[in-house]
């Protein structure tokens, strides 16, 4: 999207530099990420950045409505409710496919989540890219006028909310087995926040504890939550000492209720040039004849699980819980990133943080996924190059 930097990058690119980039990350913890890292950043023009921020503003306007909780209470009834919900979400991840419409480039909202993403990994990925391509210093992955130190200070504020770091934990299901483990490593190294498995949490009355590396029990006062409930619900083998529905003396960096409130559940409520025609299946009047132009998605799944791309009438008729699915019009992803052998599609995740006392969320950083396949997620692009997770870079 910024032809100057795309040309410069492609001229300097070598397979050796890509391998060195990957090795540089693997060397930090003697661990190579299990997802595919893309060979290149995505260079985002000021015009596209303006469109992305405008689309985000329109999503945020809905979330800031006085009746937003009333509008989304049904999402909790369809799932589970966790006590002590705060006034607003702590995190926003807003995904846009870079598409073509009427001959013009336009971002289209694919998904929105009241949930964190790979904050700590992304900033380290940028630093690794700069080692291989020093000219990237001219660009920034940040959405505000901040540097790397400011970035980490803001993360610490949001994650910890003035609690000592030892009383804050990143909570996950078997974190050492997650594809996002590299982000947990960087979070622990750069911010001093330990990651803890849900099965290792100890409950005493209304208080929660974990054991540190010395075997001492430490009270948990704030949880940086990375647990996805649809994954948790599938793990009946897990022996937990507490329940998310318990009344607990705990603060949340990312209260679980917001994962449901701000999700595909709100997509049918959004009407704008950046949004896609989306219908809750329970409100569908008739099944469209041109189903090849639609995709069926579960409301509360994660990482593309359960999505039916090549849709048939029987697929819709077979759905029992129609309140838990949406029918969404397909969009025309535009192959836009020039690789050595053709062009690649892109999806940009705009990441926001929302500090406790702020009236609105703050645009913060981003994550990009590149694809040659029908779906964007890295697991749908196996055995391909110039695809996978990367970072978007803006002009300063």
Protein backbone atom coordinates (compact mmCIF):
# COMPACT_ATOMS: atom_id res chain seq x y z
CA UNK A 1 0.00 0.00 0.00
CA UNK A 2 3.02 2.30 0.33
CA UNK A 3 4.74 1.51 -2.96
CA UNK A 4 8.05 3.11 -1.91
CA UNK A 5 8.50 0.76 1.04
CA UNK A 6 7.10 -2.29 -0.74
CA UNK A 7 9.65 -1.82 -3.52
CA UNK A 8 12.46 -1.24 -1.02
CA UNK A 9 11.54 -4.29 1.05
CA UNK A 10 11.20 -6.63 -1.92
CA UNK A 11 14.54 -5.49 -3.32
CA UNK A 12 16.25 -6.25 -0.01
CA UNK A 13 14.37 -9.46 0.80
CA UNK A 14 16.25 -12.74 0.90
CA UNK A 15 15.33 -16.16 2.23
CA UNK A 16 18.38 -15.91 4.48
CA UNK A 17 17.00 -12.76 6.13
CA UNK A 18 13.64 -14.46 6.67
CA UNK A 19 15.32 -17.46 8.31
CA UNK A 20 17.42 -15.09 10.45
CA UNK A 21 14.23 -13.26 11.53
CA UNK A 22 12.63 -16.50 12.66
CA UNK A 23 15.79 -17.66 14.39
CA UNK A 24 16.09 -14.34 16.22
CA UNK A 25 12.66 -14.89 17.77
CA UNK A 26 13.33 -18.57 18.50
CA UNK A 27 16.59 -17.65 20.25
CA UNK A 28 14.83 -15.45 22.82
CA UNK A 29 13.34 -18.43 24.65
CA UNK A 30 14.75 -21.41 22.78
CA UNK A 31 11.26 -21.76 21.34
CA UNK A 32 9.95 -21.37 17.78
CA UNK A 33 6.32 -20.20 17.44
CA UNK A 34 3.96 -22.87 16.15
CA UNK A 35 2.15 -20.46 13.81
CA UNK A 36 3.63 -19.31 10.52
CA UNK A 37 5.39 -15.95 10.49
CA UNK A 38 4.96 -14.03 7.25
CA UNK A 39 8.04 -12.90 5.37
CA UNK A 40 7.00 -9.26 5.23
CA UNK A 41 5.26 -6.49 7.14
CA UNK A 42 2.19 -4.87 5.59
CA UNK A 43 2.83 -1.24 4.63
CA UNK A 44 -0.34 0.78 5.35
CA UNK A 45 -0.86 4.09 3.57
CA UNK A 46 -2.26 7.13 5.36
CA UNK A 47 -5.43 6.82 3.29
CA UNK A 48 -6.04 3.21 4.34
CA UNK A 49 -5.13 4.06 7.94
CA UNK A 50 -7.77 6.81 7.89
CA UNK A 51 -10.37 4.34 6.60
CA UNK A 52 -9.46 1.75 9.23
CA UNK A 53 -9.75 4.28 12.06
CA UNK A 54 -13.05 5.56 10.70
CA UNK A 55 -14.43 2.03 10.60
CA UNK A 56 -13.22 1.47 14.18
CA UNK A 57 -14.84 4.73 15.31
CA UNK A 58 -18.18 3.51 13.95
CA UNK A 59 -17.88 0.24 15.88
CA UNK A 60 -16.90 2.11 19.05
CA UNK A 61 -19.88 4.46 18.67
CA UNK A 62 -22.20 1.44 19.05
CA UNK A 63 -20.25 0.13 22.04
CA UNK A 64 -20.46 3.54 23.73
CA UNK A 65 -24.24 3.74 23.44
CA UNK A 66 -25.96 4.03 26.82
CA UNK A 67 -28.10 0.97 26.04
CA UNK A 68 -25.24 -1.23 24.79
CA UNK A 69 -25.40 -3.59 27.75
CA UNK A 70 -29.16 -3.95 27.31
CA UNK A 71 -28.64 -4.68 23.60
CA UNK A 72 -26.07 -7.38 24.39
CA UNK A 73 -27.47 -9.01 27.55
CA UNK A 74 -28.78 -11.81 25.35
CA UNK A 75 -25.18 -12.75 24.50
CA UNK A 76 -24.61 -13.58 28.17
CA UNK A 77 -27.87 -15.52 28.43
CA UNK A 78 -26.70 -17.65 25.49
CA UNK A 79 -23.38 -18.36 27.21
CA UNK A 80 -22.41 -17.70 30.82
CA UNK A 81 -22.21 -14.70 33.08
CA UNK A 82 -19.19 -13.89 35.23
CA UNK A 83 -19.81 -11.68 38.31
CA UNK A 84 -18.38 -8.20 38.90
CA UNK A 85 -18.44 -6.99 35.32
CA UNK A 86 -16.83 -3.58 34.84
CA UNK A 87 -18.31 -0.58 33.03
CA UNK A 88 -16.54 -1.16 29.74
CA UNK A 89 -14.22 -3.59 28.01
CA UNK A 90 -10.46 -3.36 28.58
CA UNK A 91 -9.54 -4.51 25.08
CA UNK A 92 -10.85 -4.22 21.55
CA UNK A 93 -9.64 -6.21 18.55
CA UNK A 94 -11.32 -5.06 15.34
CA UNK A 95 -10.58 -7.12 12.22
CA UNK A 96 -10.86 -5.68 8.71
CA UNK A 97 -10.34 -7.52 5.46
CA UNK A 98 -8.67 -5.36 2.82
CA UNK A 99 -11.20 -5.62 0.04
CA UNK A 100 -12.25 -4.23 -3.30
CA UNK A 101 -15.62 -2.60 -3.90
CA UNK A 102 -16.62 -0.75 -7.04
CA UNK A 103 -13.01 -0.75 -8.17
CA UNK A 104 -11.71 0.88 -4.99
CA UNK A 105 -9.77 -0.43 -1.99
CA UNK A 106 -11.87 -0.49 1.17
CA UNK A 107 -11.52 -2.20 4.58
CA UNK A 108 -14.51 -4.37 5.53
CA UNK A 109 -15.23 -5.38 9.11
CA UNK A 110 -14.87 -9.15 9.49
CA UNK A 111 -15.02 -9.52 13.25
CA UNK A 112 -14.81 -7.58 16.50
CA UNK A 113 -13.72 -8.94 19.88
CA UNK A 114 -13.73 -7.53 23.40
CA UNK A 115 -10.61 -9.57 24.02
CA UNK A 116 -6.81 -9.04 23.97
CA UNK A 117 -4.43 -10.16 21.26
CA UNK A 118 -0.68 -10.61 20.84
CA UNK A 119 0.41 -7.25 22.25
CA UNK A 120 3.82 -8.29 23.58
CA UNK A 121 4.78 -10.45 20.62
CA UNK A 122 3.89 -7.75 18.09
CA UNK A 123 6.28 -5.14 19.45
CA UNK A 124 9.10 -7.68 19.57
CA UNK A 125 8.34 -8.79 16.02
CA UNK A 126 8.77 -5.19 14.87
CA UNK A 127 12.15 -4.97 16.59
CA UNK A 128 13.27 -8.18 14.89
CA UNK A 129 12.15 -6.92 11.47
CA UNK A 130 14.17 -3.71 11.97
CA UNK A 131 17.34 -5.73 12.57
CA UNK A 132 17.02 -7.30 9.12
CA UNK A 133 15.68 -4.18 7.38
CA UNK A 134 16.99 -1.02 9.11
CA UNK A 135 14.95 1.31 6.88
CA UNK A 136 11.81 0.17 8.76
CA UNK A 137 12.90 2.57 11.51
CA UNK A 138 11.19 5.23 9.38
CA UNK A 139 7.82 3.57 10.09
CA UNK A 140 5.80 2.68 13.18
CA UNK A 141 3.39 -0.10 14.19
CA UNK A 142 1.73 2.18 16.76
CA UNK A 143 -1.54 4.00 16.29
CA UNK A 144 -0.59 6.88 18.54
CA UNK A 145 2.43 9.14 18.93
CA UNK A 146 4.26 6.67 21.18
CA UNK A 147 7.50 4.70 21.21
CA UNK A 148 8.30 1.20 22.46
CA UNK A 149 8.82 2.35 26.06
CA UNK A 150 5.47 4.18 26.07
CA UNK A 151 3.87 1.07 24.63
CA UNK A 152 5.08 -1.15 27.47
CA UNK A 153 4.16 1.42 30.13
CA UNK A 154 0.62 1.57 28.77
CA UNK A 155 0.38 -2.22 28.71
CA UNK A 156 1.57 -2.40 32.31
CA UNK A 157 -1.04 0.18 33.35
CA UNK A 158 -3.83 -1.78 31.67
CA UNK A 159 -2.71 -5.23 32.79
CA UNK A 160 -1.85 -4.33 36.38
CA UNK A 161 -4.03 -1.33 37.34
CA UNK A 162 -1.47 -0.32 40.02
CA UNK A 163 -1.27 -3.81 41.57
CA UNK A 164 2.20 -5.30 42.20
CA UNK A 165 3.13 -7.48 39.24
CA UNK A 166 3.43 -10.59 41.36
CA UNK A 167 -0.30 -10.24 42.17
CA UNK A 168 -1.24 -10.14 38.48
CA UNK A 169 -1.32 -13.28 36.34
CA UNK A 170 -1.93 -14.04 32.69
CA UNK A 171 -4.54 -16.81 32.90
CA UNK A 172 -4.87 -19.44 30.17
CA UNK A 173 -5.73 -23.10 29.57
CA UNK A 174 -2.43 -25.03 29.50
CA UNK A 175 -0.52 -21.94 28.32
CA UNK A 176 2.54 -24.00 27.41
CA UNK A 177 0.45 -25.78 24.73
CA UNK A 178 -1.17 -22.69 23.16
CA UNK A 179 -0.18 -21.37 19.72
CA UNK A 180 0.11 -17.95 21.36
CA UNK A 181 2.71 -19.12 23.89
CA UNK A 182 5.37 -16.85 22.40
CA UNK A 183 3.27 -13.84 23.46
CA UNK A 184 3.10 -15.18 27.02
CA UNK A 185 6.89 -15.52 27.11
CA UNK A 186 7.37 -11.92 26.01
CA UNK A 187 4.74 -10.71 28.48
CA UNK A 188 6.60 -12.41 31.33
CA UNK A 189 10.01 -11.17 30.18
CA UNK A 190 9.07 -7.57 29.30
CA UNK A 191 6.47 -6.88 31.99
CA UNK A 192 7.23 -9.45 34.70
CA UNK A 193 3.72 -10.92 34.62
CA UNK A 194 3.66 -14.73 35.07
CA UNK A 195 1.37 -16.97 33.03
CA UNK A 196 -0.67 -19.51 34.98
CA UNK A 197 -2.85 -22.45 33.93
CA UNK A 198 -6.46 -22.46 35.15
CA UNK A 199 -5.81 -25.80 36.85
CA UNK A 200 -2.99 -24.33 38.96
CA UNK A 201 -5.15 -21.65 40.57
CA UNK A 202 -5.90 -22.25 44.26
CA UNK A 203 -9.14 -21.02 45.80
CA UNK A 204 -9.45 -20.08 49.50
CA UNK A 205 -12.78 -18.55 50.32
CA UNK A 206 -13.27 -15.74 47.81
CA UNK A 207 -9.55 -15.33 47.19
CA UNK A 208 -7.43 -16.93 44.47
CA UNK A 209 -3.74 -17.88 44.70
CA UNK A 210 -0.97 -19.33 42.55
CA UNK A 211 2.45 -20.74 43.39
CA UNK A 212 5.45 -18.78 42.19
CA UNK A 213 8.71 -20.33 40.97
CA UNK A 214 9.84 -20.75 44.59
CA UNK A 215 6.67 -22.66 45.52
CA UNK A 216 5.27 -19.77 47.58
CA UNK A 217 1.53 -19.12 47.45
CA UNK A 218 0.85 -15.63 46.07
CA UNK A 219 -2.56 -14.01 46.06
CA UNK A 220 -4.00 -13.17 42.65
CA UNK A 221 -5.56 -9.71 42.74
CA UNK A 222 -5.95 -9.11 39.00
CA UNK A 223 -6.28 -11.52 36.07
CA UNK A 224 -5.13 -10.72 32.56
CA UNK A 225 -7.62 -13.09 30.99
CA UNK A 226 -6.71 -15.13 27.89
CA UNK A 227 -9.16 -17.99 28.48
CA UNK A 228 -11.61 -18.70 25.64
CA UNK A 229 -14.77 -20.28 27.03
CA UNK A 230 -15.59 -22.42 24.00
CA UNK A 231 -12.18 -24.06 24.48
CA UNK A 232 -12.74 -24.35 28.23
CA UNK A 233 -16.16 -25.97 27.68
CA UNK A 234 -14.55 -28.67 25.55
CA UNK A 235 -12.00 -29.53 28.24
CA UNK A 236 -14.05 -31.63 30.66
CA UNK A 237 -10.77 -33.30 31.65
CA UNK A 238 -9.50 -30.17 33.39
CA UNK A 239 -9.60 -30.26 37.18
CA UNK A 240 -10.15 -26.68 38.31
CA UNK A 241 -10.34 -25.46 41.91
CA UNK A 242 -12.54 -22.49 41.07
CA UNK A 243 -15.29 -21.52 38.65
CA UNK A 244 -15.52 -18.34 36.62
CA UNK A 245 -19.07 -17.97 37.94
CA UNK A 246 -17.85 -17.83 41.57
CA UNK A 247 -18.06 -14.60 43.56
CA UNK A 248 -14.38 -13.75 43.86
CA UNK A 249 -12.26 -10.92 45.24
CA UNK A 250 -10.61 -10.33 41.89
CA UNK A 251 -10.16 -7.67 39.22
CA UNK A 252 -10.14 -8.48 35.53
CA UNK A 253 -7.94 -7.10 32.77
CA UNK A 254 -10.44 -8.17 30.17
CA UNK A 255 -13.59 -9.22 32.01
CA UNK A 256 -14.89 -12.45 30.41
CA UNK A 257 -18.38 -11.03 29.81
CA UNK A 258 -17.01 -8.63 27.22
CA UNK A 259 -15.83 -11.54 25.08
CA UNK A 260 -19.51 -12.33 24.51
CA UNK A 261 -20.91 -8.80 24.41
CA UNK A 262 -18.37 -7.56 21.86
CA UNK A 263 -18.28 -10.38 19.36
CA UNK A 264 -19.96 -11.48 16.15
CA UNK A 265 -23.14 -11.00 18.20
CA UNK A 266 -23.09 -7.25 17.39
CA UNK A 267 -22.31 -7.53 13.67
CA UNK A 268 -26.01 -7.50 12.61
CA UNK A 269 -26.35 -4.18 14.50
CA UNK A 270 -23.67 -2.45 12.42
CA UNK A 271 -24.75 -0.69 9.22
CA UNK A 272 -22.14 1.33 7.34
CA UNK A 273 -19.94 1.25 4.24
CA UNK A 274 -17.23 -0.56 6.21
CA UNK A 275 -19.60 -3.28 7.47
CA UNK A 276 -20.82 -6.45 5.78
CA UNK A 277 -24.43 -7.53 5.43
CA UNK A 278 -24.91 -9.85 8.42
CA UNK A 279 -28.07 -11.56 9.67
CA UNK A 280 -28.69 -13.51 12.85
CA UNK A 281 -29.87 -16.92 11.65
CA UNK A 282 -32.90 -16.82 13.97
CA UNK A 283 -34.01 -13.61 12.22
CA UNK A 284 -33.47 -14.84 8.66
CA UNK A 285 -36.73 -14.49 6.71
CA UNK A 286 -35.73 -16.80 3.85
CA UNK A 287 -32.62 -18.64 2.75
CA UNK A 288 -30.88 -16.75 -0.11
CA UNK A 289 -30.74 -18.46 -3.49
CA UNK A 290 -27.12 -17.39 -4.04
CA UNK A 291 -25.58 -19.15 -1.03
CA UNK A 292 -22.23 -19.24 -2.81
CA UNK A 293 -22.01 -15.55 -1.83
CA UNK A 294 -22.48 -16.20 1.90
CA UNK A 295 -20.66 -17.77 4.83
CA UNK A 296 -22.16 -19.30 7.99
CA UNK A 297 -20.40 -18.51 11.27
CA UNK A 298 -20.93 -19.51 14.91
CA UNK A 299 -21.33 -16.40 17.04
CA UNK A 300 -18.89 -17.21 19.79
CA UNK A 301 -16.23 -19.41 18.22
CA UNK A 302 -12.59 -18.40 17.93
CA UNK A 303 -9.89 -18.65 15.22
CA UNK A 304 -12.35 -19.55 12.48
CA UNK A 305 -13.59 -22.78 14.06
CA UNK A 306 -17.03 -23.92 12.91
CA UNK A 307 -17.19 -21.59 9.91
CA UNK A 308 -18.85 -23.08 6.80
CA UNK A 309 -17.41 -21.43 3.71
CA UNK A 310 -18.97 -23.45 0.86
CA UNK A 311 -22.51 -23.18 2.08
CA UNK A 312 -25.49 -25.35 1.14
CA UNK A 313 -29.15 -24.92 2.04
CA UNK A 314 -28.99 -28.09 4.16
CA UNK A 315 -26.23 -26.54 6.29
CA UNK A 316 -28.57 -23.75 7.36
CA UNK A 317 -31.53 -26.06 7.84
CA UNK A 318 -29.41 -28.37 10.00
CA UNK A 319 -28.62 -25.63 12.55
CA UNK A 320 -30.65 -26.23 15.71
CA UNK A 321 -29.60 -23.23 17.82
CA UNK A 322 -30.22 -20.55 15.23
CA UNK A 323 -29.61 -17.80 17.80
CA UNK A 324 -25.97 -18.91 17.90
CA UNK A 325 -25.16 -18.41 14.19
CA UNK A 326 -24.92 -15.59 11.70
CA UNK A 327 -25.20 -15.60 7.92
CA UNK A 328 -22.71 -13.15 6.45
CA UNK A 329 -22.20 -11.94 2.91
CA UNK A 330 -18.81 -12.84 1.50
CA UNK A 331 -16.47 -10.01 0.65
CA UNK A 332 -13.98 -9.70 -2.15
CA UNK A 333 -10.55 -9.71 -0.53
CA UNK A 334 -8.16 -7.82 -2.76
CA UNK A 335 -4.75 -9.46 -3.36
CA UNK A 336 -2.73 -6.38 -2.45
CA UNK A 337 0.70 -7.35 -1.09
CA UNK A 338 3.21 -7.88 -3.87
CA UNK A 339 5.26 -11.00 -3.21
CA UNK A 340 8.02 -12.37 -5.47
CA UNK A 341 5.45 -14.56 -7.23
CA UNK A 342 2.08 -12.86 -7.17
CA UNK A 343 -0.10 -10.90 -4.79
CA UNK A 344 -1.35 -11.82 -1.33
CA UNK A 345 -4.51 -10.90 0.62
CA UNK A 346 -4.40 -9.08 3.95
CA UNK A 347 -6.49 -8.68 7.08
CA UNK A 348 -5.68 -5.98 9.63
CA UNK A 349 -6.56 -6.31 13.32
CA UNK A 350 -6.72 -2.89 14.95
CA UNK A 351 -5.93 -3.19 18.66
CA UNK A 352 -7.31 -0.81 21.27
CA UNK A 353 -6.85 -0.54 25.03
CA UNK A 354 -9.42 1.06 27.32
CA UNK A 355 -8.07 2.24 30.64
CA UNK A 356 -10.36 2.00 33.63
CA UNK A 357 -11.21 5.70 33.99
CA UNK A 358 -11.04 6.74 30.33
CA UNK A 359 -14.24 7.70 28.53
CA UNK A 360 -13.16 5.99 25.30
CA UNK A 361 -10.70 3.34 24.10
CA UNK A 362 -7.29 4.35 22.75
CA UNK A 363 -6.02 3.09 19.36
CA UNK A 364 -2.83 1.29 20.22
CA UNK A 365 -1.20 -1.09 17.74
CA UNK A 366 -2.09 -3.75 15.19
CA UNK A 367 -1.69 -7.27 13.94
CA UNK A 368 -1.85 -8.40 10.31
CA UNK A 369 -2.48 -11.75 8.72
CA UNK A 370 -1.55 -12.49 5.12
CA UNK A 371 -3.25 -15.18 3.07
CA UNK A 372 -3.31 -16.91 -0.28
CA UNK A 373 -6.19 -19.18 0.76
CA UNK A 374 -9.94 -18.74 1.06
CA UNK A 375 -9.71 -17.96 4.75
CA UNK A 376 -7.21 -15.67 6.42
CA UNK A 377 -6.17 -17.61 9.55
CA UNK A 378 -2.67 -19.06 9.53
CA UNK A 379 -3.98 -22.60 9.83
CA UNK A 380 -5.73 -22.21 6.46
CA UNK A 381 -2.52 -21.33 4.62
CA UNK A 382 -0.29 -24.31 5.20
CA UNK A 383 2.49 -25.06 2.70
CA UNK A 384 2.37 -21.52 1.25
CA UNK A 385 4.88 -18.69 1.50
CA UNK A 386 4.42 -14.96 2.14
CA UNK A 387 1.46 -15.80 4.36
CA UNK A 388 0.88 -15.91 8.11
CA UNK A 389 1.07 -13.51 11.03
CA UNK A 390 2.87 -10.19 10.70
CA UNK A 391 2.59 -6.51 11.59
CA UNK A 392 1.23 -3.44 9.83
CA UNK A 393 3.48 -0.40 9.57
CA UNK A 394 2.30 3.20 9.24
CA UNK A 395 4.05 6.34 8.10
CA UNK A 396 5.21 8.47 11.04
